[in-house]
Amino acid sequence: MSSVLDTNNDRFDFMCDLEAQILSARLIYWFKTPKAIPSYKDVELLARYWKRYWNSELGAGTIDGVIEKYHKYVK
């Protein structure tokens, strides 16, 4: 049985590869919706896109929460 801490584990490699994670997320968005991801400059539109296509209307995340975290951690 392999462990997440095993560096030969594919899951561990993926977890440590930010570029692979970004690519995977982009592919998921691409297949879930034909609508383009909004500009990084429009935080509210990005938050709405995330809520609709990633978190879902029934998900616990909120648009206001995303915007708050964006301003806390990104800007």
C-alpha atoms as a PDB file:
ATOM      1  CA  MET A   1       0.000   0.000   0.000  1.00  0.00           C
ATOM      2  CA  SER A   2       1.497   3.343  -0.985  1.00  0.00           C
ATOM      3  CA  SER A   3       1.510   6.412   1.161  1.00  0.00           C
ATOM      4  CA  VAL A   4       0.907  10.040   0.192  1.00  0.00           C
ATOM      5  CA  LEU A   5       4.379  10.689   1.579  1.00  0.00           C
ATOM      6  CA  ASP A   6       5.930   8.190  -0.831  1.00  0.00           C
ATOM      7  CA  THR A   7       7.677  10.299  -3.497  1.00  0.00           C
ATOM      8  CA  ASN A   8       7.256   7.458  -6.011  1.00  0.00           C
ATOM      9  CA  ASN A   9       3.498   7.790  -5.664  1.00  0.00           C
ATOM     10  CA  ASP A  10       1.811   9.437  -8.699  1.00  0.00           C
ATOM     11  CA  ARG A  11      -0.687  11.188  -6.439  1.00  0.00           C
ATOM     12  CA  PHE A  12       2.145  12.747  -4.422  1.00  0.00           C
ATOM     13  CA  ASP A  13       3.854  13.890  -7.622  1.00  0.00           C
ATOM     14  CA  PHE A  14       0.638  15.507  -8.848  1.00  0.00           C
ATOM     15  CA  MET A  15       0.038  17.195  -5.486  1.00  0.00           C
ATOM     16  CA  CYS A  16       3.495  18.784  -5.710  1.00  0.00           C
ATOM     17  CA  ASP A  17       3.233  19.862  -9.355  1.00  0.00           C
ATOM     18  CA  LEU A  18       1.464  23.222  -9.489  1.00  0.00           C
ATOM     19  CA  GLU A  19       1.591  23.384 -13.294  1.00  0.00           C
ATOM     20  CA  ALA A  20      -0.160  19.996 -13.579  1.00  0.00           C
ATOM     21  CA  GLN A  21      -2.798  21.130 -11.080  1.00  0.00           C
ATOM     22  CA  ILE A  22      -3.449  24.344 -13.023  1.00  0.00           C
ATOM     23  CA  LEU A  23      -3.704  22.427 -16.288  1.00  0.00           C
ATOM     24  CA  SER A  24      -6.096  19.909 -14.751  1.00  0.00           C
ATOM     25  CA  ALA A  25      -8.316  22.640 -13.327  1.00  0.00           C
ATOM     26  CA  ARG A  26      -8.356  24.458 -16.677  1.00  0.00           C
ATOM     27  CA  LEU A  27      -9.332  21.265 -18.516  1.00  0.00           C
ATOM     28  CA  ILE A  28     -12.134  20.610 -16.042  1.00  0.00           C
ATOM     29  CA  TYR A  29     -13.454  24.154 -16.550  1.00  0.00           C
ATOM     30  CA  TRP A  30     -13.124  23.770 -20.326  1.00  0.00           C
ATOM     31  CA  PHE A  31     -15.175  20.589 -20.400  1.00  0.00           C
ATOM     32  CA  LYS A  32     -17.754  21.767 -17.852  1.00  0.00           C
ATOM     33  CA  THR A  33     -18.625  24.949 -19.719  1.00  0.00           C
ATOM     34  CA  PRO A  34     -17.949  26.471 -23.117  1.00  0.00           C
ATOM     35  CA  LYS A  35     -17.905  29.923 -21.501  1.00  0.00           C
ATOM     36  CA  ALA A  36     -14.439  31.452 -21.245  1.00  0.00           C
ATOM     37  CA  ILE A  37     -12.894  32.138 -17.851  1.00  0.00           C
ATOM     38  CA  PRO A  38     -13.334  35.860 -17.071  1.00  0.00           C
ATOM     39  CA  SER A  39     -10.413  38.254 -16.960  1.00  0.00           C
ATOM     40  CA  TYR A  40      -8.288  38.146 -13.826  1.00  0.00           C
ATOM     41  CA  LYS A  41      -8.994  41.867 -13.491  1.00  0.00           C
ATOM     42  CA  ASP A  42     -12.704  41.314 -12.744  1.00  0.00           C
ATOM     43  CA  VAL A  43     -12.681  39.626  -9.329  1.00  0.00           C
ATOM     44  CA  GLU A  44     -16.459  39.619  -8.902  1.00  0.00           C
ATOM     45  CA  LEU A  45     -17.041  38.015 -12.301  1.00  0.00           C
ATOM     46  CA  LEU A  46     -14.353  35.413 -11.529  1.00  0.00           C
ATOM     47  CA  ALA A  47     -16.048  34.675  -8.204  1.00  0.00           C
ATOM     48  CA  ARG A  48     -19.434  34.269  -9.919  1.00  0.00           C
ATOM     49  CA  TYR A  49     -17.873  31.973 -12.531  1.00  0.00           C
ATOM     50  CA  TRP A  50     -16.247  29.889  -9.793  1.00  0.00           C
ATOM     51  CA  LYS A  51     -19.512  29.632  -7.871  1.00  0.00           C
ATOM     52  CA  ARG A  52     -21.539  28.579 -10.896  1.00  0.00           C
ATOM     53  CA  TYR A  53     -19.154  26.208 -12.647  1.00  0.00           C
ATOM     54  CA  TRP A  54     -16.873  24.895  -9.911  1.00  0.00           C
ATOM     55  CA  ASN A  55     -18.535  25.139  -6.507  1.00  0.00           C
ATOM     56  CA  SER A  56     -22.154  24.893  -7.804  1.00  0.00           C
ATOM     57  CA  GLU A  57     -25.234  26.707  -6.598  1.00  0.00           C
ATOM     58  CA  LEU A  58     -25.590  24.165  -3.784  1.00  0.00           C
ATOM     59  CA  GLY A  59     -21.960  24.398  -2.659  1.00  0.00           C
ATOM     60  CA  ALA A  60     -21.002  25.965   0.656  1.00  0.00           C
ATOM     61  CA  GLY A  61     -18.702  28.567  -0.899  1.00  0.00           C
ATOM     62  CA  THR A  62     -19.965  32.096  -1.451  1.00  0.00           C
ATOM     63  CA  ILE A  63     -19.145  34.797  -3.958  1.00  0.00           C
ATOM     64  CA  ASP A  64     -18.436  37.248  -1.142  1.00  0.00           C
ATOM     65  CA  GLY A  65     -16.157  34.694   0.508  1.00  0.00           C
ATOM     66  CA  VAL A  66     -14.144  34.260  -2.689  1.00  0.00           C
ATOM     67  CA  ILE A  67     -13.787  38.012  -3.130  1.00  0.00           C
ATOM     68  CA  GLU A  68     -12.709  38.425   0.504  1.00  0.00           C
ATOM     69  CA  LYS A  69     -10.080  35.679   0.185  1.00  0.00           C
ATOM     70  CA  TYR A  70      -8.850  37.116  -3.101  1.00  0.00           C
ATOM     71  CA  HIS A  71      -8.193  40.474  -1.475  1.00  0.00           C
ATOM     72  CA  LYS A  72      -6.633  38.814   1.572  1.00  0.00           C
ATOM     73  CA  TYR A  73      -4.308  36.368  -0.201  1.00  0.00           C
ATOM     74  CA  VAL A  74      -3.783  37.688  -3.725  1.00  0.00           C
ATOM     75  CA  LYS A  75      -3.769  41.463  -3.505  1.00  0.00           C
END
